[in-house]
């Protein structure tokens, strides 16, 4: 086998392994069924105890329907890249009483993490 072919084969095998790893990670954080409703209660959870990143901004829909895993709330964390956009959209939808659809994934401990909001 020529050196170039050998390098190409190793590169392809490495790429396949990477794709497999990314796919496995994706399964660990599977997207759930979007839920529609009206924003009810919002909770900004303080991090005085150092708990930053554990449901910093929680959202409950009117009527408290179950969002995922038996939980009636979903969250976004300040560590999420789109945190400010999600929070701004949720607060605007709440202020205007607009219906929203929450898209979420179930995190590693079973909570519902908001990935984006449409309204």
PDB file of N, CA and C in Angstrom:
ATOM      1  N   UNK A   1       0.853  -1.167   0.000  1.00  0.00           N
ATOM      2  CA  UNK A   1       0.000   0.000   0.000  1.00  0.00           C
ATOM      3  C   UNK A   1       0.902   1.234   0.000  1.00  0.00           C
ATOM      4  N   UNK A   2       0.603   2.166  -0.867  1.00  0.00           N
ATOM      5  CA  UNK A   2       1.414   3.375  -0.928  1.00  0.00           C
ATOM      6  C   UNK A   2       1.209   4.210   0.341  1.00  0.00           C
ATOM      7  N   UNK A   3       2.174   5.034   0.615  1.00  0.00           N
ATOM      8  CA  UNK A   3       2.114   5.880   1.817  1.00  0.00           C
ATOM      9  C   UNK A   3       0.872   6.793   1.772  1.00  0.00           C
ATOM     10  N   UNK A   4       0.591   7.388   0.625  1.00  0.00           N
ATOM     11  CA  UNK A   4      -0.572   8.279   0.514  1.00  0.00           C
ATOM     12  C   UNK A   4      -1.878   7.522   0.744  1.00  0.00           C
ATOM     13  N   UNK A   5      -1.990   6.336   0.198  1.00  0.00           N
ATOM     14  CA  UNK A   5      -3.188   5.538   0.396  1.00  0.00           C
ATOM     15  C   UNK A   5      -3.330   5.151   1.865  1.00  0.00           C
ATOM     16  N   UNK A   6      -2.230   4.787   2.484  1.00  0.00           N
ATOM     17  CA  UNK A   6      -2.231   4.431   3.898  1.00  0.00           C
ATOM     18  C   UNK A   6      -2.708   5.626   4.755  1.00  0.00           C
ATOM     19  N   UNK A   7      -2.215   6.823   4.462  1.00  0.00           N
ATOM     20  CA  UNK A   7      -2.622   8.025   5.194  1.00  0.00           C
ATOM     21  C   UNK A   7      -4.104   8.302   4.971  1.00  0.00           C
ATOM     22  N   UNK A   8      -4.574   8.143   3.737  1.00  0.00           N
ATOM     23  CA  UNK A   8      -5.983   8.356   3.424  1.00  0.00           C
ATOM     24  C   UNK A   8      -6.872   7.381   4.187  1.00  0.00           C
ATOM     25  N   UNK A   9      -6.490   6.125   4.216  1.00  0.00           N
ATOM     26  CA  UNK A   9      -7.270   5.108   4.935  1.00  0.00           C
ATOM     27  C   UNK A   9      -7.326   5.448   6.423  1.00  0.00           C
ATOM     28  N   UNK A  10      -6.199   5.824   7.007  1.00  0.00           N
ATOM     29  CA  UNK A  10      -6.180   6.189   8.434  1.00  0.00           C
ATOM     30  C   UNK A  10      -7.041   7.414   8.695  1.00  0.00           C
ATOM     31  N   UNK A  11      -7.008   8.379   7.781  1.00  0.00           N
ATOM     32  CA  UNK A  11      -7.822   9.583   7.940  1.00  0.00           C
ATOM     33  C   UNK A  11      -9.302   9.229   7.894  1.00  0.00           C
ATOM     34  N   UNK A  12      -9.701   8.378   6.951  1.00  0.00           N
ATOM     35  CA  UNK A  12     -11.099   7.969   6.820  1.00  0.00           C
ATOM     36  C   UNK A  12     -11.545   7.197   8.065  1.00  0.00           C
ATOM     37  N   UNK A  13     -10.709   6.311   8.571  1.00  0.00           N
ATOM     38  CA  UNK A  13     -11.051   5.566   9.784  1.00  0.00           C
ATOM     39  C   UNK A  13     -11.196   6.504  10.980  1.00  0.00           C
ATOM     40  N   UNK A  14     -10.320   7.478  11.075  1.00  0.00           N
ATOM     41  CA  UNK A  14     -10.418   8.469  12.148  1.00  0.00           C
ATOM     42  C   UNK A  14     -11.694   9.283  12.047  1.00  0.00           C
ATOM     43  N   UNK A  15     -12.058   9.663  10.826  1.00  0.00           N
ATOM     44  CA  UNK A  15     -13.280  10.417  10.605  1.00  0.00           C
ATOM     45  C   UNK A  15     -14.500   9.588  10.998  1.00  0.00           C
ATOM     46  N   UNK A  16     -14.513   8.322  10.627  1.00  0.00           N
ATOM     47  CA  UNK A  16     -15.631   7.442  10.984  1.00  0.00           C
ATOM     48  C   UNK A  16     -15.753   7.299  12.501  1.00  0.00           C
ATOM     49  N   UNK A  17     -14.624   7.169  13.184  1.00  0.00           N
ATOM     50  CA  UNK A  17     -14.645   7.068  14.643  1.00  0.00           C
ATOM     51  C   UNK A  17     -15.191   8.347  15.265  1.00  0.00           C
ATOM     52  N   UNK A  18     -14.810   9.490  14.727  1.00  0.00           N
ATOM     53  CA  UNK A  18     -15.292  10.778  15.231  1.00  0.00           C
ATOM     54  C   UNK A  18     -16.791  10.909  15.025  1.00  0.00           C
ATOM     55  N   UNK A  19     -17.262  10.537  13.849  1.00  0.00           N
ATOM     56  CA  UNK A  19     -18.698  10.606  13.562  1.00  0.00           C
ATOM     57  C   UNK A  19     -19.460   9.684  14.513  1.00  0.00           C
ATOM     58  N   UNK A  20     -18.936   8.513  14.779  1.00  0.00           N
ATOM     59  CA  UNK A  20     -19.567   7.585  15.719  1.00  0.00           C
ATOM     60  C   UNK A  20     -19.637   8.165  17.111  1.00  0.00           C
ATOM     61  N   UNK A  21     -18.586   8.843  17.566  1.00  0.00           N
ATOM     62  CA  UNK A  21     -18.558   9.450  18.890  1.00  0.00           C
ATOM     63  C   UNK A  21     -19.566  10.590  18.974  1.00  0.00           C
ATOM     64  N   UNK A  22     -19.607  11.420  17.970  1.00  0.00           N
ATOM     65  CA  UNK A  22     -20.565  12.523  17.962  1.00  0.00           C
ATOM     66  C   UNK A  22     -21.984  11.976  17.961  1.00  0.00           C
ATOM     67  N   UNK A  23     -22.234  10.932  17.214  1.00  0.00           N
ATOM     68  CA  UNK A  23     -23.556  10.314  17.196  1.00  0.00           C
ATOM     69  C   UNK A  23     -23.943   9.765  18.549  1.00  0.00           C
ATOM     70  N   UNK A  24     -23.006   9.164  19.257  1.00  0.00           N
ATOM     71  CA  UNK A  24     -23.282   8.623  20.591  1.00  0.00           C
ATOM     72  C   UNK A  24     -23.585   9.746  21.573  1.00  0.00           C
ATOM     73  N   UNK A  25     -22.868  10.844  21.473  1.00  0.00           N
ATOM     74  CA  UNK A  25     -23.131  11.985  22.345  1.00  0.00           C
ATOM     75  C   UNK A  25     -24.523  12.539  22.050  1.00  0.00           C
ATOM     76  N   UNK A  26     -24.883  12.602  20.786  1.00  0.00           N
ATOM     77  CA  UNK A  26     -26.205  13.091  20.405  1.00  0.00           C
ATOM     78  C   UNK A  26     -27.315  12.243  20.998  1.00  0.00           C
ATOM     79  N   UNK A  27     -27.117  10.934  21.066  1.00  0.00           N
ATOM     80  CA  UNK A  27     -28.117  10.059  21.647  1.00  0.00           C
ATOM     81  C   UNK A  27     -28.266  10.303  23.140  1.00  0.00           C
ATOM     82  N   UNK A  28     -27.186  10.670  23.817  1.00  0.00           N
ATOM     83  CA  UNK A  28     -27.243  10.928  25.248  1.00  0.00           C
ATOM     84  C   UNK A  28     -28.056  12.172  25.557  1.00  0.00           C
ATOM     85  N   UNK A  29     -28.188  13.065  24.615  1.00  0.00           N
ATOM     86  CA  UNK A  29     -28.947  14.291  24.791  1.00  0.00           C
ATOM     87  C   UNK A  29     -29.989  14.386  23.674  1.00  0.00           C
ATOM     88  N   UNK A  30     -30.873  13.427  23.635  1.00  0.00           N
ATOM     89  CA  UNK A  30     -31.850  13.361  22.561  1.00  0.00           C
ATOM     90  C   UNK A  30     -32.880  14.484  22.671  1.00  0.00           C
ATOM     91  N   UNK A  31     -33.257  15.012  21.529  1.00  0.00           N
ATOM     92  CA  UNK A  31     -34.273  16.066  21.488  1.00  0.00           C
ATOM     93  C   UNK A  31     -35.633  15.461  21.791  1.00  0.00           C
ATOM     94  N   UNK A  32     -36.423  16.208  22.523  1.00  0.00           N
ATOM     95  CA  UNK A  32     -37.758  15.751  22.871  1.00  0.00           C
ATOM     96  C   UNK A  32     -38.806  16.365  21.973  1.00  0.00           C
ATOM     97  N   UNK A  33     -40.042  15.992  22.231  1.00  0.00           N
ATOM     98  CA  UNK A  33     -41.165  16.527  21.474  1.00  0.00           C
ATOM     99  C   UNK A  33     -41.408  17.972  21.898  1.00  0.00           C
ATOM    100  N   UNK A  34     -41.428  18.902  20.955  1.00  0.00           N
ATOM    101  CA  UNK A  34     -41.697  20.300  21.311  1.00  0.00           C
ATOM    102  C   UNK A  34     -43.044  20.425  22.015  1.00  0.00           C
ATOM    103  N   UNK A  35     -43.127  21.382  22.907  1.00  0.00           N
ATOM    104  CA  UNK A  35     -44.381  21.601  23.629  1.00  0.00           C
ATOM    105  C   UNK A  35     -44.825  23.047  23.440  1.00  0.00           C
ATOM    106  N   UNK A  36     -46.102  23.209  23.124  1.00  0.00           N
ATOM    107  CA  UNK A  36     -46.656  24.542  22.889  1.00  0.00           C
ATOM    108  C   UNK A  36     -47.491  24.970  24.090  1.00  0.00           C
ATOM    109  N   UNK A  37     -47.526  26.260  24.311  1.00  0.00           N
ATOM    110  CA  UNK A  37     -48.323  26.794  25.401  1.00  0.00           C
ATOM    111  C   UNK A  37     -48.034  28.265  25.587  1.00  0.00           C
ATOM    112  N   UNK A  38     -48.468  28.757  26.721  1.00  0.00           N
ATOM    113  CA  UNK A  38     -48.251  30.153  27.069  1.00  0.00           C
ATOM    114  C   UNK A  38     -47.331  30.178  28.285  1.00  0.00           C
ATOM    115  N   UNK A  39     -46.397  31.117  28.300  1.00  0.00           N
ATOM    116  CA  UNK A  39     -45.462  31.208  29.412  1.00  0.00           C
ATOM    117  C   UNK A  39     -46.238  31.580  30.677  1.00  0.00           C
ATOM    118  N   UNK A  40     -46.061  30.777  31.711  1.00  0.00           N
ATOM    119  CA  UNK A  40     -46.694  31.039  32.998  1.00  0.00           C
ATOM    120  C   UNK A  40     -45.689  31.691  33.932  1.00  0.00           C
ATOM    121  N   UNK A  41     -45.096  30.897  34.775  1.00  0.00           N
ATOM    122  CA  UNK A  41     -44.125  31.391  35.749  1.00  0.00           C
ATOM    123  C   UNK A  41     -42.721  31.280  35.193  1.00  0.00           C
ATOM    124  N   UNK A  42     -41.898  32.269  35.496  1.00  0.00           N
ATOM    125  CA  UNK A  42     -40.468  32.191  35.195  1.00  0.00           C
ATOM    126  C   UNK A  42     -39.715  32.371  36.504  1.00  0.00           C
ATOM    127  N   UNK A  43     -38.646  31.662  36.646  1.00  0.00           N
ATOM    128  CA  UNK A  43     -37.836  31.714  37.856  1.00  0.00           C
ATOM    129  C   UNK A  43     -36.394  31.964  37.486  1.00  0.00           C
ATOM    130  N   UNK A  44     -35.814  33.000  38.048  1.00  0.00           N
ATOM    131  CA  UNK A  44     -34.378  33.240  37.887  1.00  0.00           C
ATOM    132  C   UNK A  44     -33.726  32.710  39.162  1.00  0.00           C
ATOM    133  N   UNK A  45     -32.979  31.630  39.037  1.00  0.00           N
ATOM    134  CA  UNK A  45     -32.388  30.964  40.189  1.00  0.00           C
ATOM    135  C   UNK A  45     -31.019  31.561  40.466  1.00  0.00           C
ATOM    136  N   UNK A  46     -30.826  32.076  41.659  1.00  0.00           N
ATOM    137  CA  UNK A  46     -29.539  32.662  42.038  1.00  0.00           C
ATOM    138  C   UNK A  46     -28.467  31.604  42.200  1.00  0.00           C
ATOM    139  N   UNK A  47     -27.240  32.030  42.098  1.00  0.00           N
ATOM    140  CA  UNK A  47     -26.138  31.071  42.226  1.00  0.00           C
ATOM    141  C   UNK A  47     -25.265  31.408  43.427  1.00  0.00           C
ATOM    142  N   UNK A  48     -25.884  31.940  44.482  1.00  0.00           N
ATOM    143  CA  UNK A  48     -25.131  32.291  45.683  1.00  0.00           C
ATOM    144  C   UNK A  48     -24.439  31.076  46.290  1.00  0.00           C
ATOM    145  N   UNK A  49     -25.016  29.912  46.075  1.00  0.00           N
ATOM    146  CA  UNK A  49     -24.396  28.692  46.605  1.00  0.00           C
ATOM    147  C   UNK A  49     -23.421  28.075  45.609  1.00  0.00           C
ATOM    148  N   UNK A  50     -23.118  28.792  44.557  1.00  0.00           N
ATOM    149  CA  UNK A  50     -22.167  28.297  43.562  1.00  0.00           C
ATOM    150  C   UNK A  50     -22.772  27.349  42.557  1.00  0.00           C
ATOM    151  N   UNK A  51     -24.098  27.300  42.479  1.00  0.00           N
ATOM    152  CA  UNK A  51     -24.784  26.344  41.618  1.00  0.00           C
ATOM    153  C   UNK A  51     -24.984  26.861  40.196  1.00  0.00           C
ATOM    154  N   UNK A  52     -24.137  27.760  39.750  1.00  0.00           N
ATOM    155  CA  UNK A  52     -24.250  28.299  38.413  1.00  0.00           C
ATOM    156  C   UNK A  52     -24.317  27.161  37.396  1.00  0.00           C
ATOM    157  N   UNK A  53     -25.276  27.255  36.499  1.00  0.00           N
ATOM    158  CA  UNK A  53     -25.385  26.241  35.468  1.00  0.00           C
ATOM    159  C   UNK A  53     -26.331  25.111  35.816  1.00  0.00           C
ATOM    160  N   UNK A  54     -27.140  25.271  36.843  1.00  0.00           N
ATOM    161  CA  UNK A  54     -28.115  24.236  37.188  1.00  0.00           C
ATOM    162  C   UNK A  54     -29.501  24.872  37.152  1.00  0.00           C
ATOM    163  N   UNK A  55     -30.025  25.055  35.978  1.00  0.00           N
ATOM    164  CA  UNK A  55     -31.361  25.610  35.813  1.00  0.00           C
ATOM    165  C   UNK A  55     -31.452  27.066  36.216  1.00  0.00           C
ATOM    166  N   UNK A  56     -30.521  27.893  35.740  1.00  0.00           N
ATOM    167  CA  UNK A  56     -30.473  29.305  36.128  1.00  0.00           C
ATOM    168  C   UNK A  56     -31.767  30.052  35.827  1.00  0.00           C
ATOM    169  N   UNK A  57     -32.409  29.713  34.716  1.00  0.00           N
ATOM    170  CA  UNK A  57     -33.648  30.386  34.316  1.00  0.00           C
ATOM    171  C   UNK A  57     -34.666  29.305  33.985  1.00  0.00           C
ATOM    172  N   UNK A  58     -35.667  29.170  34.836  1.00  0.00           N
ATOM    173  CA  UNK A  58     -36.660  28.103  34.685  1.00  0.00           C
ATOM    174  C   UNK A  58     -37.982  28.660  34.175  1.00  0.00           C
ATOM    175  N   UNK A  59     -38.643  27.864  33.360  1.00  0.00           N
ATOM    176  CA  UNK A  59     -39.879  28.278  32.710  1.00  0.00           C
ATOM    177  C   UNK A  59     -40.961  27.235  32.969  1.00  0.00           C
ATOM    178  N   UNK A  60     -42.114  27.719  33.380  1.00  0.00           N
ATOM    179  CA  UNK A  60     -43.304  26.891  33.539  1.00  0.00           C
ATOM    180  C   UNK A  60     -44.351  27.423  32.582  1.00  0.00           C
ATOM    181  N   UNK A  61     -45.093  26.543  31.935  1.00  0.00           N
ATOM    182  CA  UNK A  61     -46.171  26.965  31.049  1.00  0.00           C
ATOM    183  C   UNK A  61     -47.472  27.069  31.838  1.00  0.00           C
ATOM    184  N   UNK A  62     -48.406  27.867  31.342  1.00  0.00           N
ATOM    185  CA  UNK A  62     -49.719  28.006  31.969  1.00  0.00           C
ATOM    186  C   UNK A  62     -50.369  26.622  32.056  1.00  0.00           C
ATOM    187  N   UNK A  63     -50.907  26.299  33.208  1.00  0.00           N
ATOM    188  CA  UNK A  63     -51.533  24.999  33.416  1.00  0.00           C
ATOM    189  C   UNK A  63     -50.553  23.935  33.885  1.00  0.00           C
ATOM    190  N   UNK A  64     -49.266  24.274  33.944  1.00  0.00           N
ATOM    191  CA  UNK A  64     -48.207  23.371  34.401  1.00  0.00           C
ATOM    192  C   UNK A  64     -48.194  21.996  33.723  1.00  0.00           C
ATOM    193  N   UNK A  65     -48.258  21.946  32.384  1.00  0.00           N
ATOM    194  CA  UNK A  65     -48.177  20.636  31.719  1.00  0.00           C
ATOM    195  C   UNK A  65     -46.789  20.027  31.899  1.00  0.00           C
ATOM    196  N   UNK A  66     -46.721  18.725  31.832  1.00  0.00           N
ATOM    197  CA  UNK A  66     -45.431  18.041  31.896  1.00  0.00           C
ATOM    198  C   UNK A  66     -44.673  18.325  30.607  1.00  0.00           C
ATOM    199  N   UNK A  67     -43.437  18.766  30.735  1.00  0.00           N
ATOM    200  CA  UNK A  67     -42.618  19.082  29.564  1.00  0.00           C
ATOM    201  C   UNK A  67     -41.783  17.862  29.175  1.00  0.00           C
ATOM    202  N   UNK A  68     -41.121  17.275  30.141  1.00  0.00           N
ATOM    203  CA  UNK A  68     -40.383  16.028  29.892  1.00  0.00           C
ATOM    204  C   UNK A  68     -40.079  15.331  31.209  1.00  0.00           C
ATOM    205  N   UNK A  69     -39.924  14.037  31.142  1.00  0.00           N
ATOM    206  CA  UNK A  69     -39.468  13.237  32.282  1.00  0.00           C
ATOM    207  C   UNK A  69     -40.265  13.519  33.556  1.00  0.00           C
ATOM    208  N   UNK A  70     -41.555  13.800  33.422  1.00  0.00           N
ATOM    209  CA  UNK A  70     -42.404  14.066  34.572  1.00  0.00           C
ATOM    210  C   UNK A  70     -42.265  15.463  35.154  1.00  0.00           C
ATOM    211  N   UNK A  71     -41.428  16.288  34.564  1.00  0.00           N
ATOM    212  CA  UNK A  71     -41.180  17.639  35.064  1.00  0.00           C
ATOM    213  C   UNK A  71     -42.068  18.656  34.361  1.00  0.00           C
ATOM    214  N   UNK A  72     -42.558  19.637  35.134  1.00  0.00           N
ATOM    215  CA  UNK A  72     -43.394  20.676  34.540  1.00  0.00           C
ATOM    216  C   UNK A  72     -42.621  21.973  34.313  1.00  0.00           C
ATOM    217  N   UNK A  73     -41.307  21.917  34.338  1.00  0.00           N
ATOM    218  CA  UNK A  73     -40.486  23.094  34.031  1.00  0.00           C
ATOM    219  C   UNK A  73     -39.337  22.701  33.115  1.00  0.00           C
ATOM    220  N   UNK A  74     -38.852  23.706  32.402  1.00  0.00           N
ATOM    221  CA  UNK A  74     -37.676  23.553  31.541  1.00  0.00           C
ATOM    222  C   UNK A  74     -36.752  24.716  31.871  1.00  0.00           C
ATOM    223  N   UNK A  75     -35.509  24.595  31.479  1.00  0.00           N
ATOM    224  CA  UNK A  75     -34.552  25.629  31.873  1.00  0.00           C
ATOM    225  C   UNK A  75     -33.585  25.974  30.753  1.00  0.00           C
ATOM    226  N   UNK A  76     -32.914  27.095  30.956  1.00  0.00           N
ATOM    227  CA  UNK A  76     -31.738  27.445  30.178  1.00  0.00           C
ATOM    228  C   UNK A  76     -30.717  27.975  31.173  1.00  0.00           C
ATOM    229  N   UNK A  77     -29.461  27.775  30.878  1.00  0.00           N
ATOM    230  CA  UNK A  77     -28.373  28.183  31.773  1.00  0.00           C
ATOM    231  C   UNK A  77     -27.598  29.337  31.186  1.00  0.00           C
ATOM    232  N   UNK A  78     -27.051  30.143  32.068  1.00  0.00           N
ATOM    233  CA  UNK A  78     -26.236  31.278  31.645  1.00  0.00           C
ATOM    234  C   UNK A  78     -25.018  30.810  30.841  1.00  0.00           C
ATOM    235  N   UNK A  79     -24.634  29.566  31.014  1.00  0.00           N
ATOM    236  CA  UNK A  79     -23.489  29.030  30.266  1.00  0.00           C
ATOM    237  C   UNK A  79     -23.850  28.656  28.828  1.00  0.00           C
ATOM    238  N   UNK A  80     -25.153  28.608  28.504  1.00  0.00           N
ATOM    239  CA  UNK A  80     -25.577  28.303  27.135  1.00  0.00           C
ATOM    240  C   UNK A  80     -25.274  29.483  26.218  1.00  0.00           C
ATOM    241  N   UNK A  81     -24.789  29.184  25.040  1.00  0.00           N
ATOM    242  CA  UNK A  81     -24.393  30.236  24.093  1.00  0.00           C
ATOM    243  C   UNK A  81     -25.559  31.158  23.731  1.00  0.00           C
ATOM    244  N   UNK A  82     -26.767  30.617  23.665  1.00  0.00           N
ATOM    245  CA  UNK A  82     -27.925  31.424  23.253  1.00  0.00           C
ATOM    246  C   UNK A  82     -28.820  31.796  24.442  1.00  0.00           C
ATOM    247  N   UNK A  83     -28.274  31.791  25.646  1.00  0.00           N
ATOM    248  CA  UNK A  83     -29.022  32.084  26.873  1.00  0.00           C
ATOM    249  C   UNK A  83     -29.782  33.406  26.788  1.00  0.00           C
ATOM    250  N   UNK A  84     -29.099  34.487  26.427  1.00  0.00           N
ATOM    251  CA  UNK A  84     -29.732  35.811  26.406  1.00  0.00           C
ATOM    252  C   UNK A  84     -30.879  35.888  25.406  1.00  0.00           C
ATOM    253  N   UNK A  85     -30.712  35.244  24.274  1.00  0.00           N
ATOM    254  CA  UNK A  85     -31.761  35.255  23.249  1.00  0.00           C
ATOM    255  C   UNK A  85     -32.979  34.472  23.729  1.00  0.00           C
ATOM    256  N   UNK A  86     -32.752  33.302  24.321  1.00  0.00           N
ATOM    257  CA  UNK A  86     -33.862  32.489  24.827  1.00  0.00           C
ATOM    258  C   UNK A  86     -34.608  33.244  25.922  1.00  0.00           C
ATOM    259  N   UNK A  87     -33.884  33.807  26.880  1.00  0.00           N
ATOM    260  CA  UNK A  87     -34.517  34.539  27.983  1.00  0.00           C
ATOM    261  C   UNK A  87     -35.298  35.745  27.453  1.00  0.00           C
ATOM    262  N   UNK A  88     -34.713  36.492  26.539  1.00  0.00           N
ATOM    263  CA  UNK A  88     -35.397  37.667  25.973  1.00  0.00           C
ATOM    264  C   UNK A  88     -36.689  37.257  25.274  1.00  0.00           C
ATOM    265  N   UNK A  89     -36.651  36.176  24.507  1.00  0.00           N
ATOM    266  CA  UNK A  89     -37.851  35.715  23.806  1.00  0.00           C
ATOM    267  C   UNK A  89     -38.915  35.229  24.783  1.00  0.00           C
ATOM    268  N   UNK A  90     -38.512  34.515  25.812  1.00  0.00           N
ATOM    269  CA  UNK A  90     -39.467  34.016  26.801  1.00  0.00           C
ATOM    270  C   UNK A  90     -40.124  35.177  27.550  1.00  0.00           C
ATOM    271  N   UNK A  91     -39.327  36.148  27.972  1.00  0.00           N
ATOM    272  CA  UNK A  91     -39.891  37.290  28.705  1.00  0.00           C
ATOM    273  C   UNK A  91     -40.801  38.131  27.818  1.00  0.00           C
ATOM    274  N   UNK A  92     -40.447  38.288  26.555  1.00  0.00           N
ATOM    275  CA  UNK A  92     -41.295  39.043  25.633  1.00  0.00           C
ATOM    276  C   UNK A  92     -42.603  38.296  25.388  1.00  0.00           C
ATOM    277  N   UNK A  93     -42.517  36.994  25.187  1.00  0.00           N
ATOM    278  CA  UNK A  93     -43.724  36.192  24.980  1.00  0.00           C
ATOM    279  C   UNK A  93     -44.618  36.237  26.219  1.00  0.00           C
ATOM    280  N   UNK A  94     -44.014  36.205  27.395  1.00  0.00           N
ATOM    281  CA  UNK A  94     -44.806  36.294  28.627  1.00  0.00           C
ATOM    282  C   UNK A  94     -45.488  37.657  28.723  1.00  0.00           C
ATOM    283  N   UNK A  95     -44.750  38.715  28.461  1.00  0.00           N
ATOM    284  CA  UNK A  95     -45.302  40.076  28.562  1.00  0.00           C
ATOM    285  C   UNK A  95     -46.435  40.320  27.579  1.00  0.00           C
ATOM    286  N   UNK A  96     -46.383  39.672  26.429  1.00  0.00           N
ATOM    287  CA  UNK A  96     -47.410  39.875  25.403  1.00  0.00           C
ATOM    288  C   UNK A  96     -48.463  38.766  25.391  1.00  0.00           C
ATOM    289  N   UNK A  97     -48.306  37.800  26.304  1.00  0.00           N
ATOM    290  CA  UNK A  97     -49.221  36.650  26.392  1.00  0.00           C
ATOM    291  C   UNK A  97     -49.284  35.865  25.086  1.00  0.00           C
ATOM    292  N   UNK A  98     -48.188  35.861  24.348  1.00  0.00           N
ATOM    293  CA  UNK A  98     -48.139  35.146  23.068  1.00  0.00           C
ATOM    294  C   UNK A  98     -47.911  33.650  23.300  1.00  0.00           C
ATOM    295  N   UNK A  99     -48.534  32.820  22.481  1.00  0.00           N
ATOM    296  CA  UNK A  99     -48.254  31.385  22.576  1.00  0.00           C
ATOM    297  C   UNK A  99     -46.843  31.095  22.064  1.00  0.00           C
ATOM    298  N   UNK A 100     -46.189  30.111  22.666  1.00  0.00           N
ATOM    299  CA  UNK A 100     -44.831  29.737  22.285  1.00  0.00           C
ATOM    300  C   UNK A 100     -44.737  28.231  22.090  1.00  0.00           C
ATOM    301  N   UNK A 101     -43.680  27.825  21.442  1.00  0.00           N
ATOM    302  CA  UNK A 101     -43.320  26.420  21.392  1.00  0.00           C
ATOM    303  C   UNK A 101     -41.908  26.310  21.938  1.00  0.00           C
ATOM    304  N   UNK A 102     -41.739  25.466  22.953  1.00  0.00           N
ATOM    305  CA  UNK A 102     -40.423  25.230  23.541  1.00  0.00           C
ATOM    306  C   UNK A 102     -39.839  23.966  22.930  1.00  0.00           C
ATOM    307  N   UNK A 103     -38.631  24.064  22.480  1.00  0.00           N
ATOM    308  CA  UNK A 103     -37.882  22.906  21.985  1.00  0.00           C
ATOM    309  C   UNK A 103     -36.825  22.605  23.035  1.00  0.00           C
ATOM    310  N   UNK A 104     -36.616  21.347  23.329  1.00  0.00           N
ATOM    311  CA  UNK A 104     -35.744  21.002  24.444  1.00  0.00           C
ATOM    312  C   UNK A 104     -35.020  19.684  24.209  1.00  0.00           C
ATOM    313  N   UNK A 105     -34.006  19.480  25.021  1.00  0.00           N
ATOM    314  CA  UNK A 105     -33.341  18.181  25.114  1.00  0.00           C
ATOM    315  C   UNK A 105     -33.372  17.769  26.580  1.00  0.00           C
ATOM    316  N   UNK A 106     -33.295  16.489  26.808  1.00  0.00           N
ATOM    317  CA  UNK A 106     -33.209  16.007  28.178  1.00  0.00           C
ATOM    318  C   UNK A 106     -31.730  15.943  28.544  1.00  0.00           C
ATOM    319  N   UNK A 107     -31.346  16.625  29.612  1.00  0.00           N
ATOM    320  CA  UNK A 107     -29.930  16.657  29.988  1.00  0.00           C
ATOM    321  C   UNK A 107     -29.517  15.352  30.670  1.00  0.00           C
ATOM    322  N   UNK A 108     -28.282  15.275  31.080  1.00  0.00           N
ATOM    323  CA  UNK A 108     -27.728  14.030  31.616  1.00  0.00           C
ATOM    324  C   UNK A 108     -28.345  13.600  32.946  1.00  0.00           C
ATOM    325  N   UNK A 109     -29.019  14.506  33.650  1.00  0.00           N
ATOM    326  CA  UNK A 109     -29.676  14.126  34.903  1.00  0.00           C
ATOM    327  C   UNK A 109     -31.201  14.069  34.766  1.00  0.00           C
ATOM    328  N   UNK A 110     -31.699  14.213  33.541  1.00  0.00           N
ATOM    329  CA  UNK A 110     -33.122  14.048  33.286  1.00  0.00           C
ATOM    330  C   UNK A 110     -33.949  15.315  33.245  1.00  0.00           C
ATOM    331  N   UNK A 111     -33.319  16.485  33.407  1.00  0.00           N
ATOM    332  CA  UNK A 111     -34.055  17.746  33.329  1.00  0.00           C
ATOM    333  C   UNK A 111     -34.229  18.185  31.881  1.00  0.00           C
ATOM    334  N   UNK A 112     -35.167  19.101  31.650  1.00  0.00           N
ATOM    335  CA  UNK A 112     -35.493  19.564  30.306  1.00  0.00           C
ATOM    336  C   UNK A 112     -34.751  20.870  30.024  1.00  0.00           C
ATOM    337  N   UNK A 113     -33.800  20.847  29.111  1.00  0.00           N
ATOM    338  CA  UNK A 113     -33.036  22.036  28.772  1.00  0.00           C
ATOM    339  C   UNK A 113     -33.562  22.640  27.471  1.00  0.00           C
ATOM    340  N   UNK A 114     -33.975  23.897  27.534  1.00  0.00           N
ATOM    341  CA  UNK A 114     -34.528  24.577  26.363  1.00  0.00           C
ATOM    342  C   UNK A 114     -33.405  24.829  25.350  1.00  0.00           C
ATOM    343  N   UNK A 115     -33.650  24.429  24.105  1.00  0.00           N
ATOM    344  CA  UNK A 115     -32.666  24.668  23.047  1.00  0.00           C
ATOM    345  C   UNK A 115     -33.059  25.855  22.182  1.00  0.00           C
ATOM    346  N   UNK A 116     -34.343  26.057  21.973  1.00  0.00           N
ATOM    347  CA  UNK A 116     -34.818  27.266  21.310  1.00  0.00           C
ATOM    348  C   UNK A 116     -36.323  27.429  21.508  1.00  0.00           C
ATOM    349  N   UNK A 117     -36.783  28.621  21.198  1.00  0.00           N
ATOM    350  CA  UNK A 117     -38.171  29.008  21.415  1.00  0.00           C
ATOM    351  C   UNK A 117     -38.714  29.588  20.116  1.00  0.00           C
ATOM    352  N   UNK A 118     -39.913  29.187  19.742  1.00  0.00           N
ATOM    353  CA  UNK A 118     -40.563  29.840  18.594  1.00  0.00           C
ATOM    354  C   UNK A 118     -41.905  30.380  19.067  1.00  0.00           C
ATOM    355  N   UNK A 119     -42.304  31.499  18.457  1.00  0.00           N
ATOM    356  CA  UNK A 119     -43.605  32.107  18.781  1.00  0.00           C
ATOM    357  C   UNK A 119     -44.008  33.072  17.717  1.00  0.00           C
TER     358      UNK A 119
END
